[in-house]
């Protein structure tokens, strides 16, 4: 699960005061839904709008590639309109296929439609890399920025990496925290821990579902992703 403040307050109440609110607006509890719509963030920089922009870019990228790819039969004039009308692109409200795509799954409705006009090797060769790039941009443009800001906010509260990794209780932490060198209290991009290598997936933000683990996401950055078809 994404370590939102409310999640951390449940896990480690001795570190995270249950009365603390969102670290950005200090107005509401920092839940998944609030992170998606925090009023402190300017509308043009909101995670929701960023995600919609990335999804539109993915859709356009796919469409351009399929329009220029060799097809089994001639593409009809309505191909582009039918492609963009598929429910996997519907985000207001989000469709099931849309949520599957956001999880890194290829909706079967998309592959069934493409299968009418293209061979399987052509379909998978086109779907592969753009989806990987989509999730990488998702991480860079949305979650990385939030995680860096949250690290600095934790530092301002006197919460260090050593304290977070400790399995000891609050009394033990208070005795050892004074021995932590000052430079460890200044997190930067280089100190973002692997706990934050989590893909910001819209299905979890909107529906509270499970998140792609940081190990899985790190694997996606170093090897070709294994595309999976969602059969739901």
Protein backbone atom coordinates (compact mmCIF):
# COMPACT_ATOMS: atom_id res chain seq x y z
CA UNK A 1 0.00 0.00 0.00
CA UNK A 2 1.05 3.58 -0.62
CA UNK A 3 2.40 5.04 2.65
CA UNK A 4 -0.08 7.90 2.96
CA UNK A 5 -0.06 9.73 6.27
CA UNK A 6 -3.24 8.00 7.46
CA UNK A 7 -1.66 4.62 6.68
CA UNK A 8 1.50 5.53 8.57
CA UNK A 9 -0.56 6.83 11.50
CA UNK A 10 -2.18 3.40 11.80
CA UNK A 11 1.09 1.52 11.44
CA UNK A 12 3.32 3.66 13.66
CA UNK A 13 1.22 5.92 15.89
CA UNK A 14 4.28 6.53 18.10
CA UNK A 15 5.95 8.32 15.16
CA UNK A 16 3.01 9.85 13.32
CA UNK A 17 0.63 11.84 15.51
CA UNK A 18 -2.96 10.68 14.82
CA UNK A 19 -4.04 14.34 14.81
CA UNK A 20 -1.75 15.33 11.94
CA UNK A 21 -3.49 16.29 8.70
CA UNK A 22 -2.35 16.44 5.07
CA UNK A 23 1.24 17.68 4.92
CA UNK A 24 0.42 19.96 1.98
CA UNK A 25 -2.88 21.65 2.86
CA UNK A 26 -3.11 20.84 6.60
CA UNK A 27 -6.87 20.71 6.14
CA UNK A 28 -7.94 17.08 5.69
CA UNK A 29 -6.61 13.62 6.61
CA UNK A 30 -4.13 12.46 3.99
CA UNK A 31 -6.02 9.53 2.48
CA UNK A 32 -5.62 8.11 -1.02
CA UNK A 33 -8.65 10.04 -2.23
CA UNK A 34 -7.35 13.27 -0.71
CA UNK A 35 -3.94 12.89 -2.35
CA UNK A 36 -5.75 12.74 -5.69
CA UNK A 37 -7.74 15.95 -5.09
CA UNK A 38 -5.79 18.00 -2.51
CA UNK A 39 -6.88 21.66 -2.94
CA UNK A 40 -3.35 22.85 -2.16
CA UNK A 41 -2.22 21.66 -5.59
CA UNK A 42 -2.96 23.99 -8.50
CA UNK A 43 -5.49 22.40 -10.92
CA UNK A 44 -3.00 22.33 -13.79
CA UNK A 45 -0.61 20.29 -11.62
CA UNK A 46 -3.14 17.98 -9.99
CA UNK A 47 -2.31 14.25 -10.11
CA UNK A 48 -5.69 13.54 -11.70
CA UNK A 49 -5.13 15.97 -14.57
CA UNK A 50 -1.57 14.74 -14.98
CA UNK A 51 -2.83 11.18 -15.25
CA UNK A 52 -5.44 12.14 -17.84
CA UNK A 53 -2.76 13.89 -19.88
CA UNK A 54 -0.51 10.83 -19.77
CA UNK A 55 -3.38 8.55 -20.72
CA UNK A 56 -4.31 10.74 -23.69
CA UNK A 57 -0.67 10.68 -24.83
CA UNK A 58 -0.67 6.88 -24.56
CA UNK A 59 -3.88 6.64 -26.58
CA UNK A 60 -2.50 8.96 -29.28
CA UNK A 61 0.78 7.06 -29.41
CA UNK A 62 -1.00 3.74 -29.84
CA UNK A 63 -3.35 5.10 -32.48
CA UNK A 64 -0.54 6.58 -34.57
CA UNK A 65 1.40 3.32 -34.46
CA UNK A 66 -1.56 1.14 -35.43
CA UNK A 67 -2.59 3.45 -38.26
CA UNK A 68 0.85 2.99 -39.81
CA UNK A 69 1.26 -0.73 -38.98
CA UNK A 70 0.70 -3.55 -41.51
CA UNK A 71 -2.85 -4.86 -41.09
CA UNK A 72 -4.56 -8.12 -41.97
CA UNK A 73 -7.37 -6.27 -43.72
CA UNK A 74 -7.72 -2.63 -44.81
CA UNK A 75 -8.56 -0.35 -41.90
CA UNK A 76 -11.99 1.28 -42.21
CA UNK A 77 -12.38 5.04 -42.11
CA UNK A 78 -14.03 4.61 -38.71
CA UNK A 79 -11.02 2.86 -37.15
CA UNK A 80 -9.71 5.91 -35.28
CA UNK A 81 -13.15 6.81 -33.93
CA UNK A 82 -13.82 3.23 -32.81
CA UNK A 83 -10.39 2.95 -31.20
CA UNK A 84 -10.76 6.14 -29.14
CA UNK A 85 -14.30 5.12 -28.14
CA UNK A 86 -13.12 1.92 -26.41
CA UNK A 87 -14.07 1.90 -22.73
CA UNK A 88 -10.45 1.46 -21.61
CA UNK A 89 -10.00 5.20 -22.24
CA UNK A 90 -13.03 6.24 -20.17
CA UNK A 91 -11.95 8.02 -16.98
CA UNK A 92 -15.08 10.06 -16.17
CA UNK A 93 -16.13 7.89 -14.43
CA UNK A 94 -13.38 5.26 -14.72
CA UNK A 95 -14.43 2.05 -16.44
CA UNK A 96 -13.22 -1.39 -15.36
CA UNK A 97 -11.05 -1.63 -18.49
CA UNK A 98 -9.58 1.79 -17.74
CA UNK A 99 -8.61 0.67 -14.25
CA UNK A 100 -7.05 -2.50 -15.65
CA UNK A 101 -4.96 -0.46 -18.07
CA UNK A 102 -3.83 1.80 -15.23
CA UNK A 103 -2.69 -1.29 -13.31
CA UNK A 104 -0.43 -2.27 -16.20
CA UNK A 105 -2.85 -4.84 -17.60
CA UNK A 106 -3.99 -4.91 -21.21
CA UNK A 107 -7.82 -4.94 -21.30
CA UNK A 108 -9.20 -7.78 -23.37
CA UNK A 109 -11.63 -5.34 -25.00
CA UNK A 110 -8.62 -3.57 -26.51
CA UNK A 111 -6.93 -6.72 -27.79
CA UNK A 112 -10.19 -8.11 -29.17
CA UNK A 113 -10.78 -4.94 -31.15
CA UNK A 114 -7.21 -4.84 -32.46
CA UNK A 115 -7.30 -8.56 -33.25
CA UNK A 116 -9.84 -7.88 -35.99
CA UNK A 117 -7.25 -5.94 -37.98
CA UNK A 118 -3.78 -6.98 -36.81
CA UNK A 119 -1.78 -10.13 -36.08
CA UNK A 120 -0.87 -10.93 -32.48
CA UNK A 121 2.87 -10.23 -32.96
CA UNK A 122 2.04 -6.81 -34.39
CA UNK A 123 -0.34 -6.01 -31.53
CA UNK A 124 2.09 -6.97 -28.77
CA UNK A 125 5.08 -5.28 -30.40
CA UNK A 126 3.14 -2.01 -30.42
CA UNK A 127 1.53 -2.28 -26.97
CA UNK A 128 4.74 -3.18 -25.15
CA UNK A 129 7.06 -0.17 -24.94
CA UNK A 130 4.48 2.66 -24.75
CA UNK A 131 2.82 1.01 -21.74
CA UNK A 132 6.19 0.72 -20.01
CA UNK A 133 6.91 4.39 -20.76
CA UNK A 134 3.43 5.36 -19.56
CA UNK A 135 4.00 3.86 -16.12
CA UNK A 136 7.49 5.30 -15.89
CA UNK A 137 6.15 8.81 -16.59
CA UNK A 138 3.39 8.09 -14.09
CA UNK A 139 6.05 7.48 -11.45
CA UNK A 140 8.25 10.45 -12.38
CA UNK A 141 5.56 13.09 -12.83
CA UNK A 142 3.27 12.14 -9.96
CA UNK A 143 4.60 9.87 -7.27
CA UNK A 144 8.27 10.88 -7.21
CA UNK A 145 7.40 14.54 -6.59
CA UNK A 146 5.01 13.64 -3.78
CA UNK A 147 7.47 11.27 -2.12
CA UNK A 148 10.29 13.84 -2.11
CA UNK A 149 8.00 16.47 -0.58
CA UNK A 150 6.84 13.97 2.05
CA UNK A 151 10.45 13.15 2.98
CA UNK A 152 11.12 16.82 3.67
CA UNK A 153 7.92 17.10 5.68
CA UNK A 154 8.96 14.07 7.79
CA UNK A 155 12.31 15.73 8.40
CA UNK A 156 10.55 18.85 9.65
CA UNK A 157 8.69 16.68 12.15
CA UNK A 158 11.96 15.13 13.36
CA UNK A 159 11.18 11.73 11.83
CA UNK A 160 14.32 10.09 10.44
CA UNK A 161 14.95 7.06 8.28
CA UNK A 162 16.50 5.25 11.25
CA UNK A 163 13.41 5.86 13.36
CA UNK A 164 11.13 4.58 10.59
CA UNK A 165 13.13 1.40 10.11
CA UNK A 166 13.36 0.68 13.84
CA UNK A 167 11.15 -2.03 15.34
CA UNK A 168 11.60 -0.53 18.79
CA UNK A 169 8.92 1.34 20.68
CA UNK A 170 8.71 5.12 21.15
CA UNK A 171 10.78 5.18 24.35
CA UNK A 172 13.71 3.44 22.67
CA UNK A 173 13.47 5.72 19.65
CA UNK A 174 13.58 8.84 21.82
CA UNK A 175 16.79 7.60 23.46
CA UNK A 176 18.55 6.90 20.16
CA UNK A 177 17.30 9.73 17.96
CA UNK A 178 19.67 12.26 19.52
CA UNK A 179 22.63 10.28 18.17
CA UNK A 180 21.56 10.63 14.54
CA UNK A 181 23.86 12.99 12.59
CA UNK A 182 22.25 16.23 11.31
CA UNK A 183 22.96 15.45 7.64
CA UNK A 184 20.64 12.44 7.84
CA UNK A 185 17.77 14.83 8.49
CA UNK A 186 18.01 16.46 5.07
CA UNK A 187 16.46 14.06 2.55
CA UNK A 188 16.91 14.72 -1.13
CA UNK A 189 16.29 12.97 -4.41
CA UNK A 190 19.25 10.70 -3.67
CA UNK A 191 17.80 9.58 -0.34
CA UNK A 192 14.37 8.52 -1.57
CA UNK A 193 14.16 4.96 -0.27
CA UNK A 194 13.03 1.90 -2.22
CA UNK A 195 9.79 2.00 -0.24
CA UNK A 196 8.74 4.78 -2.56
CA UNK A 197 9.36 2.89 -5.80
CA UNK A 198 5.66 2.36 -6.19
CA UNK A 199 3.72 2.97 -9.33
CA UNK A 200 0.94 5.48 -8.71
CA UNK A 201 -1.93 3.48 -10.09
CA UNK A 202 -5.26 5.18 -10.58
CA UNK A 203 -7.30 2.14 -9.65
CA UNK A 204 -5.92 2.36 -6.13
CA UNK A 205 -6.31 6.10 -5.89
CA UNK A 206 -9.91 6.02 -7.06
CA UNK A 207 -11.11 2.67 -5.77
CA UNK A 208 -8.68 1.89 -2.94
CA UNK A 209 -7.40 -1.25 -4.67
CA UNK A 210 -3.99 -2.89 -4.40
CA UNK A 211 -0.86 -1.19 -5.67
CA UNK A 212 1.92 -2.53 -7.87
CA UNK A 213 4.70 -3.44 -5.48
CA UNK A 214 7.94 -1.48 -5.57
CA UNK A 215 9.84 -4.61 -6.59
CA UNK A 216 7.53 -5.17 -9.53
CA UNK A 217 7.84 -1.56 -10.59
CA UNK A 218 11.62 -1.61 -10.32
CA UNK A 219 11.61 -4.73 -12.48
CA UNK A 220 9.61 -2.82 -15.07
CA UNK A 221 12.35 -0.19 -15.24
CA UNK A 222 15.12 -2.69 -15.96
CA UNK A 223 13.55 -5.40 -18.10
CA UNK A 224 10.89 -5.55 -20.74
CA UNK A 225 7.52 -5.74 -19.02
CA UNK A 226 5.56 -8.93 -19.37
CA UNK A 227 2.27 -7.74 -20.75
CA UNK A 228 -0.73 -9.44 -19.27
CA UNK A 229 -4.27 -9.62 -20.57
CA UNK A 230 -7.02 -8.84 -18.13
CA UNK A 231 -9.80 -11.37 -18.49
CA UNK A 232 -12.14 -9.64 -16.07
